[in-house]
Amino acid sequence: MPAILAAFGSGLLFGLGLIVSQMINPAKVLGFLDIFGHWDPSLAMVMGGAVAVSAFGTVIARRRGVPVLAARLEIPSRRDLDRRLISGAVLFGIGWGLVGLCPGPALTAITFGPWQVAVFVGAMVAGMALFRAAPSDWPRVTFPRRSAGVADDA
């Protein structure tokens, strides 16, 4: 039960942060991404704050060595860039740049956003369902447990 409450609290805090920072407003996000037009740099402060909090949390987690509400501490050790990571980042960036929403803010915005947000979330869910329904011989993204230093063959 404590893990569920911590997850709920974390999600609530994350959603409130998205609302306060206006990341649920596609116009605000598109203004941030428009670096050659009327650029709105305010979301850079949001990103800087998120990176600082994450870095601080990672330092604390590594020092403790044992998580508070989990069986073991899992911090990714891979630092290489492979084709799947880069292509996924490019695809995500193109979608974010076209619409001004990504999954987290879209799920937050659906509670009071315009109907277009509901269409976006519906398309996102349909895409996930289509991926699950794809034939088993299609390439799938998996996250196998690997030892540090083992190269990815993709």
C-alpha atoms as a PDB file:
ATOM      1  CA  MET A   1       0.000   0.000   0.000  1.00  0.00           C
ATOM      2  CA  PRO A   2       2.788   2.551   0.710  1.00  0.00           C
ATOM      3  CA  ALA A   3       4.159   2.009  -2.812  1.00  0.00           C
ATOM      4  CA  ILE A   4       0.728   2.675  -4.312  1.00  0.00           C
ATOM      5  CA  LEU A   5       0.314   5.843  -2.270  1.00  0.00           C
ATOM      6  CA  ALA A   6       3.809   7.008  -3.264  1.00  0.00           C
ATOM      7  CA  ALA A   7       3.021   6.345  -6.926  1.00  0.00           C
ATOM      8  CA  PHE A   8      -0.273   8.235  -6.620  1.00  0.00           C
ATOM      9  CA  GLY A   9       1.426  11.167  -4.893  1.00  0.00           C
ATOM     10  CA  SER A  10       4.198  11.245  -7.484  1.00  0.00           C
ATOM     11  CA  GLY A  11       1.697  11.182 -10.341  1.00  0.00           C
ATOM     12  CA  LEU A  12      -0.384  13.907  -8.723  1.00  0.00           C
ATOM     13  CA  LEU A  13       2.683  16.095  -8.195  1.00  0.00           C
ATOM     14  CA  PHE A  14       3.803  15.470 -11.777  1.00  0.00           C
ATOM     15  CA  GLY A  15       0.370  16.356 -13.161  1.00  0.00           C
ATOM     16  CA  LEU A  16       0.194  19.526 -11.075  1.00  0.00           C
ATOM     17  CA  GLY A  17       3.655  20.472 -12.315  1.00  0.00           C
ATOM     18  CA  LEU A  18       2.504  20.007 -15.905  1.00  0.00           C
ATOM     19  CA  ILE A  19      -0.498  22.247 -15.258  1.00  0.00           C
ATOM     20  CA  VAL A  20       1.464  24.998 -13.460  1.00  0.00           C
ATOM     21  CA  SER A  21       4.217  25.001 -16.099  1.00  0.00           C
ATOM     22  CA  GLN A  22       1.579  25.085 -18.880  1.00  0.00           C
ATOM     23  CA  MET A  23       3.052  22.026 -20.579  1.00  0.00           C
ATOM     24  CA  ILE A  24      -0.535  20.919 -21.167  1.00  0.00           C
ATOM     25  CA  ASN A  25      -1.044  23.949 -23.429  1.00  0.00           C
ATOM     26  CA  PRO A  26       0.021  22.969 -26.971  1.00  0.00           C
ATOM     27  CA  ALA A  27       0.412  26.646 -27.955  1.00  0.00           C
ATOM     28  CA  LYS A  28       2.901  27.164 -25.106  1.00  0.00           C
ATOM     29  CA  VAL A  29       4.893  24.080 -26.097  1.00  0.00           C
ATOM     30  CA  LEU A  30       4.900  25.013 -29.787  1.00  0.00           C
ATOM     31  CA  GLY A  31       6.081  28.514 -28.793  1.00  0.00           C
ATOM     32  CA  PHE A  32       8.996  26.925 -26.963  1.00  0.00           C
ATOM     33  CA  LEU A  33       9.846  24.744 -29.955  1.00  0.00           C
ATOM     34  CA  ASP A  34       9.674  27.685 -32.403  1.00  0.00           C
ATOM     35  CA  ILE A  35      13.300  28.761 -31.944  1.00  0.00           C
ATOM     36  CA  PHE A  36      13.439  30.614 -35.280  1.00  0.00           C
ATOM     37  CA  GLY A  37      10.150  32.480 -34.824  1.00  0.00           C
ATOM     38  CA  HIS A  38       8.533  33.911 -31.698  1.00  0.00           C
ATOM     39  CA  TRP A  39      10.464  31.724 -29.268  1.00  0.00           C
ATOM     40  CA  ASP A  40       9.107  31.402 -25.724  1.00  0.00           C
ATOM     41  CA  PRO A  41      12.048  30.248 -23.545  1.00  0.00           C
ATOM     42  CA  SER A  42       9.991  29.812 -20.344  1.00  0.00           C
ATOM     43  CA  LEU A  43       9.767  26.020 -20.641  1.00  0.00           C
ATOM     44  CA  ALA A  44      13.574  25.863 -20.559  1.00  0.00           C
ATOM     45  CA  MET A  45      13.289  26.795 -16.874  1.00  0.00           C
ATOM     46  CA  VAL A  46      10.878  23.890 -16.386  1.00  0.00           C
ATOM     47  CA  MET A  47      13.335  21.543 -18.069  1.00  0.00           C
ATOM     48  CA  GLY A  48      16.226  22.897 -16.002  1.00  0.00           C
ATOM     49  CA  GLY A  49      14.253  22.383 -12.801  1.00  0.00           C
ATOM     50  CA  ALA A  50      13.339  18.833 -13.808  1.00  0.00           C
ATOM     51  CA  VAL A  51      16.951  17.967 -14.608  1.00  0.00           C
ATOM     52  CA  ALA A  52      18.131  19.428 -11.283  1.00  0.00           C
ATOM     53  CA  VAL A  53      15.537  17.496  -9.245  1.00  0.00           C
ATOM     54  CA  SER A  54      16.296  14.281 -11.140  1.00  0.00           C
ATOM     55  CA  ALA A  55      20.054  14.686 -10.665  1.00  0.00           C
ATOM     56  CA  PHE A  56      19.586  15.363  -6.951  1.00  0.00           C
ATOM     57  CA  GLY A  57      17.327  12.316  -6.596  1.00  0.00           C
ATOM     58  CA  THR A  58      19.804  10.104  -8.448  1.00  0.00           C
ATOM     59  CA  VAL A  59      22.655  11.210  -6.179  1.00  0.00           C
ATOM     60  CA  ILE A  60      20.599  10.452  -3.073  1.00  0.00           C
ATOM     61  CA  ALA A  61      19.468   7.085  -4.449  1.00  0.00           C
ATOM     62  CA  ARG A  62      23.024   6.026  -5.270  1.00  0.00           C
ATOM     63  CA  ARG A  63      24.282   7.066  -1.838  1.00  0.00           C
ATOM     64  CA  ARG A  64      21.528   5.121  -0.083  1.00  0.00           C
ATOM     65  CA  GLY A  65      22.019   2.101  -2.330  1.00  0.00           C
ATOM     66  CA  VAL A  66      18.659   0.684  -1.236  1.00  0.00           C
ATOM     67  CA  PRO A  67      15.288   2.081  -2.291  1.00  0.00           C
ATOM     68  CA  VAL A  68      12.634   2.972   0.257  1.00  0.00           C
ATOM     69  CA  LEU A  69       9.664   1.208  -1.374  1.00  0.00           C
ATOM     70  CA  ALA A  70      11.166  -1.334  -3.774  1.00  0.00           C
ATOM     71  CA  ALA A  71      13.098  -4.582  -3.596  1.00  0.00           C
ATOM     72  CA  ARG A  72      16.180  -3.242  -5.385  1.00  0.00           C
ATOM     73  CA  LEU A  73      17.605  -0.055  -6.849  1.00  0.00           C
ATOM     74  CA  GLU A  74      17.574   0.074 -10.643  1.00  0.00           C
ATOM     75  CA  ILE A  75      19.474   2.952 -12.239  1.00  0.00           C
ATOM     76  CA  PRO A  76      20.237   2.546 -15.955  1.00  0.00           C
ATOM     77  CA  SER A  77      23.918   2.081 -16.675  1.00  0.00           C
ATOM     78  CA  ARG A  78      23.874   2.191 -20.489  1.00  0.00           C
ATOM     79  CA  ARG A  79      25.164   5.403 -22.018  1.00  0.00           C
ATOM     80  CA  ASP A  80      25.496   4.394 -25.671  1.00  0.00           C
ATOM     81  CA  LEU A  81      23.357   5.732 -28.490  1.00  0.00           C
ATOM     82  CA  ASP A  82      21.919   3.138 -30.807  1.00  0.00           C
ATOM     83  CA  ARG A  83      19.658   3.301 -33.859  1.00  0.00           C
ATOM     84  CA  ARG A  84      16.496   2.450 -31.908  1.00  0.00           C
ATOM     85  CA  LEU A  85      17.088   5.151 -29.313  1.00  0.00           C
ATOM     86  CA  ILE A  86      17.827   7.832 -31.903  1.00  0.00           C
ATOM     87  CA  SER A  87      14.926   6.862 -34.196  1.00  0.00           C
ATOM     88  CA  GLY A  88      12.529   6.777 -31.238  1.00  0.00           C
ATOM     89  CA  ALA A  89      13.703  10.206 -30.077  1.00  0.00           C
ATOM     90  CA  VAL A  90      13.315  11.618 -33.589  1.00  0.00           C
ATOM     91  CA  LEU A  91       9.812  10.152 -33.953  1.00  0.00           C
ATOM     92  CA  PHE A  92       8.815  11.497 -30.526  1.00  0.00           C
ATOM     93  CA  GLY A  93      10.225  14.939 -31.379  1.00  0.00           C
ATOM     94  CA  ILE A  94       8.406  15.098 -34.698  1.00  0.00           C
ATOM     95  CA  GLY A  95       5.109  14.212 -33.032  1.00  0.00           C
ATOM     96  CA  TRP A  96       5.694  16.683 -30.202  1.00  0.00           C
ATOM     97  CA  GLY A  97       6.582  19.423 -32.687  1.00  0.00           C
ATOM     98  CA  LEU A  98       3.534  18.787 -34.863  1.00  0.00           C
ATOM     99  CA  VAL A  99       0.965  18.650 -32.068  1.00  0.00           C
ATOM    100  CA  GLY A 100       2.538  20.324 -29.031  1.00  0.00           C
ATOM    101  CA  LEU A 101       1.606  17.428 -26.756  1.00  0.00           C
ATOM    102  CA  CYS A 102       3.314  14.310 -25.529  1.00  0.00           C
ATOM    103  CA  PRO A 103       1.679  11.464 -23.554  1.00  0.00           C
ATOM    104  CA  GLY A 104       2.051  12.800 -19.991  1.00  0.00           C
ATOM    105  CA  PRO A 105       0.683  16.286 -20.633  1.00  0.00           C
ATOM    106  CA  ALA A 106      -2.011  14.860 -22.928  1.00  0.00           C
ATOM    107  CA  LEU A 107      -3.331  12.570 -20.187  1.00  0.00           C
ATOM    108  CA  THR A 108      -3.312  15.501 -17.777  1.00  0.00           C
ATOM    109  CA  ALA A 109      -4.961  17.877 -20.271  1.00  0.00           C
ATOM    110  CA  ILE A 110      -7.738  15.428 -21.166  1.00  0.00           C
ATOM    111  CA  THR A 111      -9.432  16.186 -17.840  1.00  0.00           C
ATOM    112  CA  PHE A 112     -10.268  19.746 -18.901  1.00  0.00           C
ATOM    113  CA  GLY A 113      -8.722  20.278 -22.323  1.00  0.00           C
ATOM    114  CA  PRO A 114     -10.435  20.862 -25.648  1.00  0.00           C
ATOM    115  CA  TRP A 115     -11.844  18.011 -27.726  1.00  0.00           C
ATOM    116  CA  GLN A 116      -8.644  17.930 -29.797  1.00  0.00           C
ATOM    117  CA  VAL A 117      -6.784  16.593 -26.765  1.00  0.00           C
ATOM    118  CA  ALA A 118      -9.269  13.727 -26.501  1.00  0.00           C
ATOM    119  CA  VAL A 119      -8.691  12.955 -30.194  1.00  0.00           C
ATOM    120  CA  PHE A 120      -4.915  12.949 -29.586  1.00  0.00           C
ATOM    121  CA  VAL A 121      -5.234  10.598 -26.602  1.00  0.00           C
ATOM    122  CA  GLY A 122      -7.590   8.343 -28.586  1.00  0.00           C
ATOM    123  CA  ALA A 123      -5.076   8.167 -31.447  1.00  0.00           C
ATOM    124  CA  MET A 124      -2.282   7.475 -28.959  1.00  0.00           C
ATOM    125  CA  VAL A 125      -4.219   4.598 -27.376  1.00  0.00           C
ATOM    126  CA  ALA A 126      -5.144   3.248 -30.821  1.00  0.00           C
ATOM    127  CA  GLY A 127      -1.464   3.316 -31.814  1.00  0.00           C
ATOM    128  CA  MET A 128      -0.544   1.366 -28.683  1.00  0.00           C
ATOM    129  CA  ALA A 129      -3.278  -1.190 -29.399  1.00  0.00           C
ATOM    130  CA  LEU A 130      -2.142  -1.502 -33.015  1.00  0.00           C
ATOM    131  CA  PHE A 131       1.408  -2.136 -31.852  1.00  0.00           C
ATOM    132  CA  ARG A 132       0.211  -4.866 -29.477  1.00  0.00           C
ATOM    133  CA  ALA A 133      -1.847  -6.447 -32.275  1.00  0.00           C
ATOM    134  CA  ALA A 134       1.094  -6.489 -34.709  1.00  0.00           C
ATOM    135  CA  PRO A 135       2.328  -9.926 -35.810  1.00  0.00           C
ATOM    136  CA  SER A 136       4.878 -11.473 -33.494  1.00  0.00           C
ATOM    137  CA  ASP A 137       7.595 -11.427 -36.175  1.00  0.00           C
ATOM    138  CA  TRP A 138       7.485  -7.600 -36.414  1.00  0.00           C
ATOM    139  CA  PRO A 139      10.315  -5.826 -34.614  1.00  0.00           C
ATOM    140  CA  ARG A 140       9.416  -5.171 -30.990  1.00  0.00           C
ATOM    141  CA  VAL A 141      11.022  -2.853 -28.509  1.00  0.00           C
ATOM    142  CA  THR A 142      12.097  -4.835 -25.483  1.00  0.00           C
ATOM    143  CA  PHE A 143      14.094  -3.919 -22.450  1.00  0.00           C
ATOM    144  CA  PRO A 144      16.105  -6.999 -21.507  1.00  0.00           C
ATOM    145  CA  ARG A 145      18.202  -6.986 -18.378  1.00  0.00           C
ATOM    146  CA  ARG A 146      21.818  -6.684 -19.385  1.00  0.00           C
ATOM    147  CA  SER A 147      25.094  -6.519 -17.589  1.00  0.00           C
ATOM    148  CA  ALA A 148      27.012  -3.263 -17.827  1.00  0.00           C
ATOM    149  CA  GLY A 149      29.237  -3.194 -20.903  1.00  0.00           C
ATOM    150  CA  VAL A 150      27.177  -5.602 -23.032  1.00  0.00           C
ATOM    151  CA  ALA A 151      26.642  -4.066 -26.469  1.00  0.00           C
ATOM    152  CA  ASP A 152      23.247  -3.886 -28.135  1.00  0.00           C
ATOM    153  CA  ASP A 153      23.133  -5.667 -31.470  1.00  0.00           C
ATOM    154  CA  ALA A 154      20.463  -3.364 -32.961  1.00  0.00           C
END
